[in-house]
Amino acid sequence: MSALPQAAVVAPTPVDSPNRRLRVVEEPSRRRRPKLIYGIVALVGALSIGTAQMALSILTTQSSYELSTLAQESRELTWHKQILFDDVAGLSSPQYLAANASALGMVINESPSYLRLSDGALLGAGQVSLGASSVDAIGRAAVPNALITDTPLVTAPGATIEGAPVEPEVVVTDGGVSNTPPPLTDGLPTPSTH
């Protein structure tokens, strides 16, 4: 067949492997107990969390009491504001102003006069009132005002709307007939009938 020489196949040489020694496996170590420091840290942490929760609860409760107190003060201030508003309304009422004017000696004129500001003209009779008024501002009014019942007058501190009335002066002219109707004291005047 062919004349080629066949090469000889050489087998690999075995390499010496290191000597393996067998040894005994050591017994597994026992599980160690947790150290004392870990327990103390856990206990202190739990106590601090509990203390923080209690402190927050106390602060929240304290805030609730403060809010309740402030709400109560707000209600009381609102009541005082309403009382003062009623006092101002009573003091600025026409009855109180008329009573103070009457205590100063002012009377209601039966024929009022007016001054027109545009040209300075006087409209009306232009006569002085005769000193008597059909309205008794200090005496008992036809419609009492509860806001000023016991409030002393500014011009006469001893008098109030309901008490210590000032007697009105009646000017008599024309033979005993007054020029004004009788003053209203307790409502509308009515004739007495039998």
N, C-alpha and C. Protein backbone atom coordinates (compact mmCIF):
# COMPACT_ATOMS: atom_id res chain seq x y z
N MET A 1 0.78 -1.07 0.00
CA MET A 1 0.00 0.00 0.00
C MET A 1 0.87 1.19 0.00
N SER A 2 0.76 1.87 0.86
CA SER A 2 1.58 3.03 0.65
C SER A 2 2.89 2.81 1.36
N ALA A 3 3.78 3.55 0.94
CA ALA A 3 5.09 3.37 1.47
C ALA A 3 5.43 4.36 2.55
N LEU A 4 4.53 5.04 3.01
CA LEU A 4 4.81 6.03 4.05
C LEU A 4 5.02 5.34 5.37
N PRO A 5 6.02 5.80 6.01
CA PRO A 5 6.22 5.16 7.30
C PRO A 5 5.16 5.68 8.29
N GLN A 6 4.70 4.89 9.03
CA GLN A 6 3.70 5.28 10.03
C GLN A 6 4.41 5.75 11.26
N ALA A 7 3.90 6.86 11.73
CA ALA A 7 4.51 7.43 12.93
C ALA A 7 3.95 6.71 14.13
N ALA A 8 4.79 6.56 14.99
CA ALA A 8 4.38 5.86 16.19
C ALA A 8 3.67 6.80 17.11
N VAL A 9 2.62 6.42 17.61
CA VAL A 9 1.83 7.24 18.52
C VAL A 9 2.38 6.99 19.91
N VAL A 10 2.71 8.14 20.53
CA VAL A 10 3.30 8.04 21.85
C VAL A 10 2.20 8.31 22.88
N ALA A 11 2.10 7.53 23.87
CA ALA A 11 1.11 7.72 24.93
C ALA A 11 1.62 8.74 25.92
N PRO A 12 0.70 9.59 26.43
CA PRO A 12 1.14 10.59 27.39
C PRO A 12 1.65 9.95 28.66
N THR A 13 2.59 10.64 29.24
CA THR A 13 3.16 10.11 30.46
C THR A 13 2.33 10.55 31.65
N PRO A 14 2.06 9.71 32.53
CA PRO A 14 1.25 10.08 33.68
C PRO A 14 2.00 11.06 34.59
N VAL A 15 1.24 12.10 35.04
CA VAL A 15 1.82 13.09 35.94
C VAL A 15 1.49 12.64 37.35
N ASP A 16 2.46 12.80 38.16
CA ASP A 16 2.22 12.40 39.55
C ASP A 16 1.29 13.39 40.23
N SER A 17 0.21 12.94 40.75
CA SER A 17 -0.72 13.81 41.48
C SER A 17 -0.25 13.90 42.91
N PRO A 18 -0.53 15.08 43.55
CA PRO A 18 -0.07 15.20 44.94
C PRO A 18 -0.79 14.20 45.81
N ASN A 19 -0.14 13.88 46.83
CA ASN A 19 -0.71 12.92 47.76
C ASN A 19 -1.88 13.55 48.51
N ARG A 20 -2.93 13.00 48.41
CA ARG A 20 -4.10 13.51 49.11
C ARG A 20 -4.20 12.77 50.42
N ARG A 21 -4.38 13.64 51.43
CA ARG A 21 -4.51 13.03 52.74
C ARG A 21 -5.93 13.16 53.22
N LEU A 22 -6.41 12.26 53.77
CA LEU A 22 -7.74 12.29 54.35
C LEU A 22 -7.59 12.72 55.81
N ARG A 23 -8.48 13.59 56.17
CA ARG A 23 -8.44 14.01 57.57
C ARG A 23 -9.85 13.99 58.14
N VAL A 24 -9.96 14.04 59.42
CA VAL A 24 -11.23 13.95 60.12
C VAL A 24 -11.86 15.35 60.14
N VAL A 25 -13.15 15.42 59.82
CA VAL A 25 -13.87 16.68 59.86
C VAL A 25 -14.11 17.03 61.32
N GLU A 26 -13.89 18.31 61.58
CA GLU A 26 -14.09 18.74 62.97
C GLU A 26 -15.57 18.82 63.29
N GLU A 27 -15.85 18.66 64.51
CA GLU A 27 -17.23 18.71 64.97
C GLU A 27 -17.72 20.17 64.83
N PRO A 28 -18.94 20.39 64.29
CA PRO A 28 -19.40 21.78 64.13
C PRO A 28 -19.51 22.46 65.49
N SER A 29 -19.17 23.74 65.48
CA SER A 29 -19.18 24.48 66.75
C SER A 29 -20.62 24.70 67.20
N ARG A 30 -20.77 24.72 68.47
CA ARG A 30 -22.09 24.95 69.03
C ARG A 30 -22.53 26.38 68.76
N ARG A 31 -23.82 26.55 68.64
CA ARG A 31 -24.35 27.89 68.44
C ARG A 31 -24.16 28.65 69.74
N ARG A 32 -23.56 29.83 69.59
CA ARG A 32 -23.29 30.59 70.80
C ARG A 32 -24.54 31.35 71.22
N ARG A 33 -24.67 31.55 72.48
CA ARG A 33 -25.77 32.34 73.01
C ARG A 33 -25.52 33.80 72.64
N PRO A 34 -26.63 34.57 72.42
CA PRO A 34 -26.41 35.97 72.10
C PRO A 34 -25.70 36.65 73.26
N LYS A 35 -24.94 37.61 72.90
CA LYS A 35 -24.21 38.31 73.94
C LYS A 35 -25.16 39.19 74.71
N LEU A 36 -24.83 39.50 75.90
CA LEU A 36 -25.65 40.31 76.79
C LEU A 36 -25.86 41.73 76.23
N ILE A 37 -24.90 42.27 75.55
CA ILE A 37 -24.99 43.63 75.04
C ILE A 37 -26.12 43.76 74.03
N TYR A 38 -26.34 42.72 73.21
CA TYR A 38 -27.43 42.77 72.23
C TYR A 38 -28.79 42.83 72.93
N GLY A 39 -28.95 42.11 73.98
CA GLY A 39 -30.20 42.13 74.75
C GLY A 39 -30.44 43.50 75.38
N ILE A 40 -29.37 44.06 75.91
CA ILE A 40 -29.51 45.38 76.55
C ILE A 40 -29.89 46.43 75.51
N VAL A 41 -29.26 46.38 74.33
CA VAL A 41 -29.57 47.34 73.27
C VAL A 41 -31.04 47.19 72.83
N ALA A 42 -31.50 45.97 72.68
CA ALA A 42 -32.89 45.74 72.28
C ALA A 42 -33.85 46.25 73.35
N LEU A 43 -33.55 46.02 74.62
CA LEU A 43 -34.41 46.49 75.71
C LEU A 43 -34.44 48.02 75.77
N VAL A 44 -33.28 48.64 75.65
CA VAL A 44 -33.22 50.10 75.69
C VAL A 44 -33.97 50.69 74.49
N GLY A 45 -33.84 50.08 73.33
CA GLY A 45 -34.57 50.55 72.14
C GLY A 45 -36.07 50.46 72.34
N ALA A 46 -36.55 49.34 72.87
CA ALA A 46 -37.99 49.19 73.10
C ALA A 46 -38.49 50.22 74.12
N LEU A 47 -37.73 50.42 75.19
CA LEU A 47 -38.12 51.41 76.20
C LEU A 47 -38.13 52.83 75.63
N SER A 48 -37.15 53.15 74.79
CA SER A 48 -37.11 54.50 74.21
C SER A 48 -38.28 54.72 73.25
N ILE A 49 -38.65 53.71 72.49
CA ILE A 49 -39.81 53.82 71.60
C ILE A 49 -41.09 54.01 72.41
N GLY A 50 -41.25 53.26 73.48
CA GLY A 50 -42.42 53.40 74.35
C GLY A 50 -42.47 54.78 75.00
N THR A 51 -41.32 55.26 75.46
CA THR A 51 -41.27 56.59 76.08
C THR A 51 -41.60 57.68 75.06
N ALA A 52 -41.09 57.55 73.85
CA ALA A 52 -41.39 58.54 72.81
C ALA A 52 -42.88 58.55 72.48
N GLN A 53 -43.51 57.38 72.41
CA GLN A 53 -44.94 57.32 72.13
C GLN A 53 -45.75 57.95 73.26
N MET A 54 -45.35 57.70 74.49
CA MET A 54 -46.06 58.30 75.62
C MET A 54 -45.89 59.82 75.63
N ALA A 55 -44.69 60.31 75.33
CA ALA A 55 -44.45 61.75 75.30
C ALA A 55 -45.29 62.41 74.21
N LEU A 56 -45.33 61.80 73.03
CA LEU A 56 -46.16 62.35 71.96
C LEU A 56 -47.64 62.33 72.33
N SER A 57 -48.08 61.29 72.99
CA SER A 57 -49.47 61.21 73.43
C SER A 57 -49.79 62.30 74.43
N ILE A 58 -48.90 62.54 75.37
CA ILE A 58 -49.11 63.58 76.38
C ILE A 58 -49.12 64.96 75.72
N LEU A 59 -48.20 65.21 74.78
CA LEU A 59 -48.18 66.50 74.09
C LEU A 59 -49.45 66.71 73.27
N THR A 60 -49.93 65.67 72.62
CA THR A 60 -51.16 65.78 71.84
C THR A 60 -52.35 66.06 72.75
N THR A 61 -52.41 65.38 73.87
CA THR A 61 -53.50 65.60 74.82
C THR A 61 -53.43 67.02 75.38
N GLN A 62 -52.23 67.49 75.71
CA GLN A 62 -52.06 68.84 76.22
C GLN A 62 -52.51 69.86 75.18
N SER A 63 -52.19 69.64 73.92
CA SER A 63 -52.63 70.54 72.85
C SER A 63 -54.15 70.55 72.74
N SER A 64 -54.77 69.39 72.94
CA SER A 64 -56.24 69.33 72.89
C SER A 64 -56.85 70.18 74.00
N TYR A 65 -56.27 70.13 75.20
CA TYR A 65 -56.78 70.95 76.30
C TYR A 65 -56.58 72.43 76.01
N GLU A 66 -55.44 72.79 75.44
CA GLU A 66 -55.19 74.20 75.10
C GLU A 66 -56.17 74.67 74.04
N LEU A 67 -56.44 73.83 73.04
CA LEU A 67 -57.41 74.20 72.00
C LEU A 67 -58.80 74.37 72.59
N SER A 68 -59.16 73.51 73.53
CA SER A 68 -60.47 73.63 74.17
C SER A 68 -60.57 74.93 74.96
N THR A 69 -59.51 75.28 75.68
CA THR A 69 -59.49 76.52 76.45
C THR A 69 -59.58 77.73 75.53
N LEU A 70 -58.84 77.71 74.43
CA LEU A 70 -58.89 78.82 73.48
C LEU A 70 -60.26 78.94 72.82
N ALA A 71 -60.89 77.81 72.53
CA ALA A 71 -62.24 77.86 71.95
C ALA A 71 -63.23 78.46 72.94
N GLN A 72 -63.11 78.11 74.22
CA GLN A 72 -63.98 78.68 75.25
C GLN A 72 -63.75 80.19 75.37
N GLU A 73 -62.48 80.62 75.35
CA GLU A 73 -62.19 82.05 75.41
C GLU A 73 -62.75 82.77 74.19
N SER A 74 -62.68 82.13 73.04
CA SER A 74 -63.23 82.72 71.81
C SER A 74 -64.74 82.91 71.93
N ARG A 75 -65.43 81.91 72.47
CA ARG A 75 -66.88 82.03 72.67
C ARG A 75 -67.21 83.17 73.64
N GLU A 76 -66.45 83.26 74.74
CA GLU A 76 -66.70 84.33 75.71
C GLU A 76 -66.44 85.69 75.10
N LEU A 77 -65.37 85.82 74.30
CA LEU A 77 -65.09 87.10 73.65
C LEU A 77 -66.17 87.45 72.64
N THR A 78 -66.72 86.45 71.97
CA THR A 78 -67.81 86.71 71.04
C THR A 78 -69.04 87.21 71.79
N TRP A 79 -69.32 86.62 72.96
CA TRP A 79 -70.45 87.09 73.78
C TRP A 79 -70.22 88.53 74.24
N HIS A 80 -68.99 88.82 74.72
CA HIS A 80 -68.69 90.18 75.16
C HIS A 80 -68.81 91.16 73.99
N LYS A 81 -68.37 90.74 72.82
CA LYS A 81 -68.49 91.60 71.63
C LYS A 81 -69.95 91.88 71.33
N GLN A 82 -70.80 90.86 71.43
CA GLN A 82 -72.22 91.05 71.17
C GLN A 82 -72.85 91.97 72.22
N ILE A 83 -72.45 91.81 73.47
CA ILE A 83 -72.98 92.68 74.54
C ILE A 83 -72.58 94.13 74.28
N LEU A 84 -71.31 94.35 73.92
CA LEU A 84 -70.85 95.70 73.63
C LEU A 84 -71.55 96.28 72.40
N PHE A 85 -71.78 95.44 71.40
CA PHE A 85 -72.49 95.89 70.21
C PHE A 85 -73.92 96.31 70.57
N ASP A 86 -74.58 95.55 71.46
CA ASP A 86 -75.93 95.91 71.91
C ASP A 86 -75.91 97.21 72.70
N ASP A 87 -74.86 97.40 73.54
CA ASP A 87 -74.75 98.64 74.30
C ASP A 87 -74.59 99.84 73.38
N VAL A 88 -73.75 99.70 72.37
CA VAL A 88 -73.55 100.80 71.41
C VAL A 88 -74.83 101.06 70.64
N ALA A 89 -75.53 100.00 70.26
CA ALA A 89 -76.79 100.18 69.53
C ALA A 89 -77.81 100.91 70.41
N GLY A 90 -77.85 100.59 71.70
CA GLY A 90 -78.77 101.27 72.61
C GLY A 90 -78.40 102.73 72.80
N LEU A 91 -77.09 103.01 72.94
CA LEU A 91 -76.66 104.38 73.16
C LEU A 91 -76.82 105.25 71.92
N SER A 92 -76.87 104.63 70.75
CA SER A 92 -77.06 105.42 69.53
C SER A 92 -78.51 105.40 69.07
N SER A 93 -79.41 104.88 69.90
CA SER A 93 -80.82 104.82 69.52
C SER A 93 -81.45 106.21 69.59
N PRO A 94 -82.46 106.45 68.78
CA PRO A 94 -83.14 107.75 68.82
C PRO A 94 -83.76 108.07 70.18
N GLN A 95 -84.23 107.06 70.91
CA GLN A 95 -84.82 107.29 72.22
C GLN A 95 -83.79 107.85 73.19
N TYR A 96 -82.59 107.27 73.18
CA TYR A 96 -81.55 107.72 74.11
C TYR A 96 -81.08 109.13 73.74
N LEU A 97 -80.94 109.38 72.45
CA LEU A 97 -80.53 110.71 72.01
C LEU A 97 -81.60 111.75 72.36
N ALA A 98 -82.88 111.40 72.17
CA ALA A 98 -83.97 112.32 72.51
C ALA A 98 -84.03 112.56 74.01
N ALA A 99 -83.79 111.54 74.81
CA ALA A 99 -83.81 111.70 76.26
C ALA A 99 -82.68 112.61 76.71
N ASN A 100 -81.50 112.49 76.13
CA ASN A 100 -80.39 113.37 76.48
C ASN A 100 -80.69 114.80 76.04
N ALA A 101 -81.29 114.96 74.86
CA ALA A 101 -81.64 116.30 74.40
C ALA A 101 -82.69 116.92 75.31
N SER A 102 -83.66 116.14 75.75
CA SER A 102 -84.69 116.63 76.66
C SER A 102 -84.10 117.02 78.00
N ALA A 103 -83.12 116.25 78.48
CA ALA A 103 -82.47 116.59 79.75
C ALA A 103 -81.68 117.89 79.63
N LEU A 104 -81.23 118.23 78.41
CA LEU A 104 -80.54 119.49 78.20
C LEU A 104 -81.51 120.67 78.07
N GLY A 105 -82.81 120.38 77.95
CA GLY A 105 -83.81 121.42 77.82
C GLY A 105 -84.28 121.61 76.39
N MET A 106 -83.87 120.78 75.49
CA MET A 106 -84.32 120.89 74.11
C MET A 106 -85.73 120.33 73.99
N VAL A 107 -86.51 120.91 73.09
CA VAL A 107 -87.86 120.44 72.85
C VAL A 107 -88.04 120.19 71.37
N ILE A 108 -89.04 119.40 71.04
CA ILE A 108 -89.35 119.11 69.65
C ILE A 108 -90.23 120.23 69.12
N ASN A 109 -89.85 120.83 68.03
CA ASN A 109 -90.61 121.92 67.44
C ASN A 109 -91.74 121.33 66.62
N GLU A 110 -92.95 121.89 66.79
CA GLU A 110 -94.11 121.39 66.07
C GLU A 110 -94.05 121.76 64.59
N SER A 111 -93.41 122.87 64.27
CA SER A 111 -93.27 123.26 62.87
C SER A 111 -91.78 123.41 62.57
N PRO A 112 -91.14 122.33 62.21
CA PRO A 112 -89.69 122.38 62.02
C PRO A 112 -89.32 123.23 60.81
N SER A 113 -88.15 123.75 60.86
CA SER A 113 -87.59 124.53 59.75
C SER A 113 -86.38 123.78 59.22
N TYR A 114 -86.13 123.94 57.93
CA TYR A 114 -85.02 123.25 57.29
C TYR A 114 -84.17 124.26 56.55
N LEU A 115 -82.91 124.02 56.48
CA LEU A 115 -81.98 124.88 55.77
C LEU A 115 -81.54 124.14 54.52
N ARG A 116 -81.80 124.74 53.36
CA ARG A 116 -81.37 124.14 52.10
C ARG A 116 -79.93 124.57 51.87
N LEU A 117 -79.03 123.60 51.78
CA LEU A 117 -77.61 123.90 51.70
C LEU A 117 -77.19 124.45 50.35
N SER A 118 -77.92 124.14 49.31
CA SER A 118 -77.50 124.57 47.98
C SER A 118 -77.53 126.10 47.83
N ASP A 119 -78.55 126.74 48.38
CA ASP A 119 -78.61 128.20 48.25
C ASP A 119 -78.77 128.92 49.60
N GLY A 120 -78.81 128.18 50.70
CA GLY A 120 -78.89 128.78 52.02
C GLY A 120 -80.27 129.28 52.39
N ALA A 121 -81.30 128.82 51.69
CA ALA A 121 -82.65 129.28 51.96
C ALA A 121 -83.24 128.54 53.16
N LEU A 122 -84.04 129.25 53.96
CA LEU A 122 -84.70 128.67 55.13
C LEU A 122 -86.10 128.26 54.72
N LEU A 123 -86.42 127.00 54.87
CA LEU A 123 -87.73 126.46 54.51
C LEU A 123 -88.51 126.19 55.78
N GLY A 124 -89.75 126.55 55.84
CA GLY A 124 -90.58 126.33 57.01
C GLY A 124 -90.94 127.64 57.67
N ALA A 125 -91.57 127.53 58.87
CA ALA A 125 -92.05 128.72 59.55
C ALA A 125 -90.90 129.57 60.10
N GLY A 126 -89.84 128.94 60.52
CA GLY A 126 -88.70 129.69 61.04
C GLY A 126 -88.97 130.32 62.39
N GLN A 127 -89.85 129.73 63.20
CA GLN A 127 -90.19 130.27 64.52
C GLN A 127 -89.56 129.41 65.60
N VAL A 128 -89.36 130.01 66.72
CA VAL A 128 -88.80 129.32 67.88
C VAL A 128 -89.90 128.48 68.51
N SER A 129 -89.53 127.30 69.00
CA SER A 129 -90.49 126.46 69.70
C SER A 129 -90.91 127.13 70.98
N LEU A 130 -92.14 126.89 71.40
CA LEU A 130 -92.69 127.58 72.55
C LEU A 130 -92.37 126.90 73.87
N GLY A 131 -91.53 125.93 73.90
CA GLY A 131 -91.07 125.35 75.15
C GLY A 131 -91.81 124.12 75.61
N ALA A 132 -92.76 123.64 74.88
CA ALA A 132 -93.48 122.43 75.27
C ALA A 132 -93.39 121.43 74.13
N SER A 133 -93.37 120.18 74.47
CA SER A 133 -93.25 119.14 73.47
C SER A 133 -94.31 118.08 73.71
N SER A 134 -94.83 117.54 72.65
CA SER A 134 -95.84 116.49 72.80
C SER A 134 -95.21 115.14 73.08
N VAL A 135 -93.91 115.03 72.95
CA VAL A 135 -93.21 113.77 73.19
C VAL A 135 -92.42 113.89 74.48
N ASP A 136 -92.68 112.99 75.41
CA ASP A 136 -91.93 112.97 76.67
C ASP A 136 -90.78 112.00 76.51
N ALA A 137 -89.60 112.50 76.15
CA ALA A 137 -88.47 111.62 75.84
C ALA A 137 -87.89 110.96 77.07
N ILE A 138 -87.99 111.63 78.21
CA ILE A 138 -87.39 111.04 79.42
C ILE A 138 -88.40 110.16 80.15
N GLY A 139 -89.66 110.46 80.03
CA GLY A 139 -90.68 109.65 80.70
C GLY A 139 -90.82 108.30 80.03
N ARG A 140 -91.87 107.64 80.38
CA ARG A 140 -92.10 106.32 79.81
C ARG A 140 -92.46 106.45 78.34
N ALA A 141 -91.71 105.77 77.50
CA ALA A 141 -91.92 105.85 76.07
C ALA A 141 -93.04 104.90 75.66
N ALA A 142 -93.66 105.18 74.52
CA ALA A 142 -94.72 104.32 74.01
C ALA A 142 -94.16 102.94 73.69
N VAL A 143 -92.94 102.89 73.18
CA VAL A 143 -92.28 101.62 72.88
C VAL A 143 -90.97 101.60 73.68
N PRO A 144 -90.93 100.89 74.78
CA PRO A 144 -89.72 100.91 75.61
C PRO A 144 -88.54 100.23 74.90
N ASN A 145 -87.36 100.71 75.21
CA ASN A 145 -86.14 100.15 74.65
C ASN A 145 -85.40 99.43 75.77
N ALA A 146 -85.38 98.12 75.74
CA ALA A 146 -84.77 97.34 76.81
C ALA A 146 -83.26 97.52 76.89
N LEU A 147 -82.63 97.96 75.81
CA LEU A 147 -81.17 98.12 75.82
C LEU A 147 -80.73 99.30 76.68
N ILE A 148 -81.61 100.29 76.87
CA ILE A 148 -81.21 101.50 77.59
C ILE A 148 -82.08 101.78 78.81
N THR A 149 -82.81 100.80 79.29
CA THR A 149 -83.73 101.00 80.41
C THR A 149 -83.01 101.54 81.64
N ASP A 150 -81.90 100.95 82.00
CA ASP A 150 -81.19 101.35 83.22
C ASP A 150 -79.93 102.15 82.94
N THR A 151 -79.72 102.59 81.71
CA THR A 151 -78.53 103.35 81.36
C THR A 151 -78.73 104.81 81.77
N PRO A 152 -77.82 105.36 82.58
CA PRO A 152 -77.98 106.77 82.97
C PRO A 152 -77.76 107.69 81.76
N LEU A 153 -78.45 108.81 81.78
CA LEU A 153 -78.29 109.78 80.71
C LEU A 153 -76.93 110.47 80.83
N VAL A 154 -76.36 110.85 79.73
CA VAL A 154 -75.06 111.51 79.74
C VAL A 154 -75.20 112.90 80.35
N THR A 155 -76.27 113.57 80.03
CA THR A 155 -76.45 114.94 80.49
C THR A 155 -77.02 115.03 81.90
N ALA A 156 -77.68 113.98 82.37
CA ALA A 156 -78.25 113.96 83.72
C ALA A 156 -77.97 112.58 84.31
N PRO A 157 -76.81 112.39 84.97
CA PRO A 157 -76.45 111.05 85.45
C PRO A 157 -77.42 110.45 86.44
N GLY A 158 -78.22 111.25 87.12
CA GLY A 158 -79.18 110.72 88.07
C GLY A 158 -80.45 110.23 87.42
N ALA A 159 -80.64 110.50 86.14
CA ALA A 159 -81.88 110.13 85.47
C ALA A 159 -81.62 109.05 84.43
N THR A 160 -82.62 108.23 84.23
CA THR A 160 -82.59 107.23 83.17
C THR A 160 -83.84 107.41 82.33
N ILE A 161 -83.96 106.60 81.30
CA ILE A 161 -85.15 106.66 80.46
C ILE A 161 -86.38 106.32 81.30
N GLU A 162 -86.27 105.33 82.16
CA GLU A 162 -87.42 104.85 82.93
C GLU A 162 -87.59 105.57 84.27
N GLY A 163 -86.53 106.14 84.81
CA GLY A 163 -86.64 106.70 86.15
C GLY A 163 -86.27 108.16 86.20
N ALA A 164 -86.75 108.85 87.24
CA ALA A 164 -86.48 110.26 87.50
C ALA A 164 -86.74 111.13 86.29
N PRO A 165 -87.98 111.11 85.79
CA PRO A 165 -88.27 111.94 84.61
C PRO A 165 -88.24 113.42 84.95
N VAL A 166 -87.85 114.20 83.99
CA VAL A 166 -87.85 115.65 84.13
C VAL A 166 -89.23 116.14 83.72
N GLU A 167 -89.84 116.97 84.54
CA GLU A 167 -91.18 117.47 84.25
C GLU A 167 -91.13 118.44 83.08
N PRO A 168 -91.95 118.21 82.06
CA PRO A 168 -91.96 119.16 80.94
C PRO A 168 -92.69 120.45 81.32
N GLU A 169 -92.22 121.53 80.73
CA GLU A 169 -92.86 122.81 80.97
C GLU A 169 -93.97 123.00 79.94
N VAL A 170 -95.14 123.40 80.41
CA VAL A 170 -96.26 123.64 79.50
C VAL A 170 -96.49 125.15 79.46
N VAL A 171 -96.42 125.72 78.28
CA VAL A 171 -96.66 127.15 78.12
C VAL A 171 -98.14 127.32 77.80
N VAL A 172 -98.81 128.09 78.61
CA VAL A 172 -100.24 128.30 78.44
C VAL A 172 -100.44 129.63 77.73
N THR A 173 -101.15 129.56 76.61
CA THR A 173 -101.50 130.78 75.88
C THR A 173 -102.96 130.72 75.51
N ASP A 174 -103.52 131.78 75.11
CA ASP A 174 -104.90 131.86 74.65
C ASP A 174 -105.91 131.43 75.73
N GLY A 175 -105.76 131.92 76.93
CA GLY A 175 -106.77 131.70 77.97
C GLY A 175 -106.78 130.28 78.51
N GLY A 176 -105.64 129.66 78.77
CA GLY A 176 -105.59 128.36 79.41
C GLY A 176 -105.53 127.19 78.47
N VAL A 177 -105.48 127.41 77.18
CA VAL A 177 -105.37 126.32 76.22
C VAL A 177 -103.91 126.22 75.78
N SER A 178 -103.32 125.06 75.92
CA SER A 178 -101.91 124.90 75.52
C SER A 178 -101.82 124.76 74.01
N ASN A 179 -100.67 125.11 73.47
CA ASN A 179 -100.48 125.05 72.03
C ASN A 179 -100.00 123.69 71.54
N THR A 180 -99.86 122.74 72.42
CA THR A 180 -99.43 121.40 72.04
C THR A 180 -100.40 120.37 72.60
N PRO A 181 -100.47 119.23 71.97
CA PRO A 181 -101.32 118.19 72.54
C PRO A 181 -100.72 117.66 73.84
N PRO A 182 -101.52 116.93 74.62
CA PRO A 182 -100.97 116.40 75.88
C PRO A 182 -99.84 115.42 75.59
N PRO A 183 -98.84 115.37 76.46
CA PRO A 183 -97.71 114.46 76.22
C PRO A 183 -98.12 113.00 76.34
N LEU A 184 -97.48 112.17 75.55
CA LEU A 184 -97.74 110.73 75.59
C LEU A 184 -96.90 110.13 76.70
N THR A 185 -97.53 109.51 77.68
CA THR A 185 -96.77 108.91 78.76
C THR A 185 -96.88 107.40 78.75
N ASP A 186 -98.08 106.89 78.67
CA ASP A 186 -98.26 105.44 78.68
C ASP A 186 -99.09 105.00 77.49
N GLY A 187 -98.67 105.33 76.30
CA GLY A 187 -99.41 104.93 75.11
C GLY A 187 -100.22 106.10 74.58
N LEU A 188 -101.21 105.79 73.77
CA LEU A 188 -102.05 106.82 73.17
C LEU A 188 -103.07 107.32 74.19
N PRO A 189 -103.34 108.65 74.18
CA PRO A 189 -104.34 109.17 75.12
C PRO A 189 -105.75 108.72 74.67
N THR A 190 -106.53 108.32 75.62
CA THR A 190 -107.91 107.91 75.33
C THR A 190 -108.84 108.66 76.25
N PRO A 191 -110.02 108.94 75.77
CA PRO A 191 -110.96 109.63 76.64
C PRO A 191 -111.46 108.68 77.71
N SER A 192 -111.73 109.22 78.88
CA SER A 192 -112.26 108.37 79.94
C SER A 192 -113.78 108.38 79.81
N THR A 193 -114.37 107.24 79.76
CA THR A 193 -115.81 107.10 79.61
C THR A 193 -116.36 106.37 80.81
N HIS A 194 -117.63 106.60 81.07
CA HIS A 194 -118.27 105.92 82.20
C HIS A 194 -119.31 104.97 81.70
